[in-house]
Amino acid sequence: MPSIEKISIALPSEMASMVREAVEAGEYSSSSEVVREALRDWSDKRTLREKGLEELRRVWRQALEDNSPGVSPHDVFERPERKYQAIANAASKRYECAANSPA
């Protein structure tokens, strides 16, 4: 069993109420359990953030080392422009059909 170290923390009254309510509702057996779970979640979130940053740095380095000519900004912006224009055209046709159909 891991060693346990007792520390004291201060919480805003709203958070302290939330902790007490969770214990009183039987979701946790103690306030310490609530805090331990919150810390585990926080730790997992930090780990995921660090992995995401590491991946971003890796991709950034890879992009900096890439000597290919790349894609022009015009081509990059033209693709979503065509996509959304097609969506607008389809919506316009549906609207026209609905407006022209006998009621």
Protein backbone atom coordinates (compact mmCIF):
# COMPACT_ATOMS: atom_id res chain seq x y z
CA MET A 1 0.00 0.00 0.00
CA PRO A 2 1.39 3.43 -0.92
CA SER A 3 2.32 5.72 1.92
CA ILE A 4 -0.27 8.33 2.77
CA GLU A 5 0.66 11.91 3.54
CA LYS A 6 -1.89 14.17 5.13
CA ILE A 7 -2.11 17.74 3.82
CA SER A 8 -4.58 20.53 4.35
CA ILE A 9 -6.21 22.36 1.44
CA ALA A 10 -8.45 25.39 1.21
CA LEU A 11 -11.39 25.37 -1.21
CA PRO A 12 -13.89 28.03 -2.18
CA SER A 13 -17.18 27.45 -0.36
CA GLU A 14 -18.91 26.31 -3.57
CA MET A 15 -16.33 23.58 -4.13
CA ALA A 16 -16.37 22.54 -0.49
CA SER A 17 -20.17 22.20 -0.74
CA MET A 18 -19.82 20.07 -3.85
CA VAL A 19 -17.36 17.77 -2.06
CA ARG A 20 -19.65 17.43 0.98
CA GLU A 21 -22.70 16.77 -1.23
CA ALA A 22 -20.87 14.02 -3.13
CA VAL A 23 -19.90 12.34 0.15
CA GLU A 24 -23.40 12.75 1.64
CA ALA A 25 -24.96 11.29 -1.53
CA GLY A 26 -22.77 8.20 -1.13
CA GLU A 27 -20.78 8.79 -4.30
CA TYR A 28 -17.58 8.79 -2.23
CA SER A 29 -16.77 7.54 1.23
CA SER A 30 -14.76 10.61 2.18
CA SER A 31 -13.68 14.07 1.10
CA SER A 32 -10.20 12.67 0.55
CA GLU A 33 -11.58 10.23 -2.01
CA VAL A 34 -13.17 13.10 -3.94
CA VAL A 35 -9.90 15.03 -3.97
CA ARG A 36 -7.87 11.95 -4.96
CA GLU A 37 -10.14 11.29 -7.93
CA ALA A 38 -9.96 14.95 -8.96
CA LEU A 39 -6.17 14.80 -8.79
CA ARG A 40 -6.07 11.60 -10.84
CA ASP A 41 -8.23 13.28 -13.50
CA TRP A 42 -6.01 16.38 -13.40
CA SER A 43 -2.90 14.23 -13.73
CA ASP A 44 -4.39 12.33 -16.70
CA LYS A 45 -5.31 15.63 -18.36
CA ARG A 46 -1.77 16.97 -17.87
CA THR A 47 -0.32 13.79 -19.33
CA LEU A 48 -2.58 14.02 -22.39
CA ARG A 49 -1.70 17.69 -22.86
CA GLU A 50 2.02 16.87 -22.69
CA LYS A 51 1.61 14.05 -25.23
CA GLY A 52 -0.30 16.44 -27.49
CA LEU A 53 2.45 19.04 -27.21
CA GLU A 54 5.10 16.42 -27.94
CA GLU A 55 3.17 15.34 -31.03
CA LEU A 56 2.74 18.95 -32.15
CA ARG A 57 6.47 19.57 -31.71
CA ARG A 58 7.28 16.40 -33.68
CA VAL A 59 4.99 17.40 -36.54
CA TRP A 60 6.37 20.96 -36.48
CA ARG A 61 9.97 19.69 -36.72
CA GLN A 62 8.94 17.35 -39.52
CA ALA A 63 7.32 20.26 -41.40
CA LEU A 64 10.43 22.42 -40.95
CA GLU A 65 12.62 19.64 -42.36
CA ASP A 66 10.29 19.02 -45.32
CA ASN A 67 11.81 20.53 -48.46
CA SER A 68 8.90 19.75 -50.76
CA PRO A 69 7.29 22.70 -52.55
CA GLY A 70 4.10 22.36 -50.52
CA VAL A 71 0.66 23.56 -51.54
CA SER A 72 -0.20 27.08 -52.57
CA PRO A 73 -2.52 29.06 -50.30
CA HIS A 74 -4.88 29.46 -53.27
CA ASP A 75 -5.26 25.67 -53.53
CA VAL A 76 -5.72 25.34 -49.78
CA PHE A 77 -8.55 27.89 -49.66
CA GLU A 78 -10.15 26.82 -52.91
CA ARG A 79 -11.05 23.35 -51.64
CA PRO A 80 -13.35 24.44 -48.78
CA GLU A 81 -14.70 27.22 -51.02
CA ARG A 82 -15.82 24.60 -53.58
CA LYS A 83 -17.25 22.41 -50.80
CA TYR A 84 -19.35 25.16 -49.25
CA GLN A 85 -20.45 26.46 -52.64
CA ALA A 86 -21.72 22.96 -53.49
CA ILE A 87 -23.62 22.85 -50.18
CA ALA A 88 -25.13 26.28 -50.88
CA ASN A 89 -26.11 25.23 -54.41
CA ALA A 90 -27.79 22.05 -53.15
CA ALA A 91 -29.69 24.01 -50.49
CA SER A 92 -30.76 26.56 -53.07
CA LYS A 93 -32.08 23.82 -55.38
CA ARG A 94 -34.04 22.24 -52.49
CA TYR A 95 -35.50 25.65 -51.65
CA GLU A 96 -36.46 26.29 -55.27
CA CYS A 97 -38.12 22.87 -55.55
CA ALA A 98 -40.07 23.44 -52.34
CA ALA A 99 -41.13 26.92 -53.43
CA ASN A 100 -42.27 25.72 -56.85
CA SER A 101 -44.12 22.61 -55.72
CA PRO A 102 -47.93 22.85 -55.52
CA ALA A 103 -49.23 23.18 -51.98
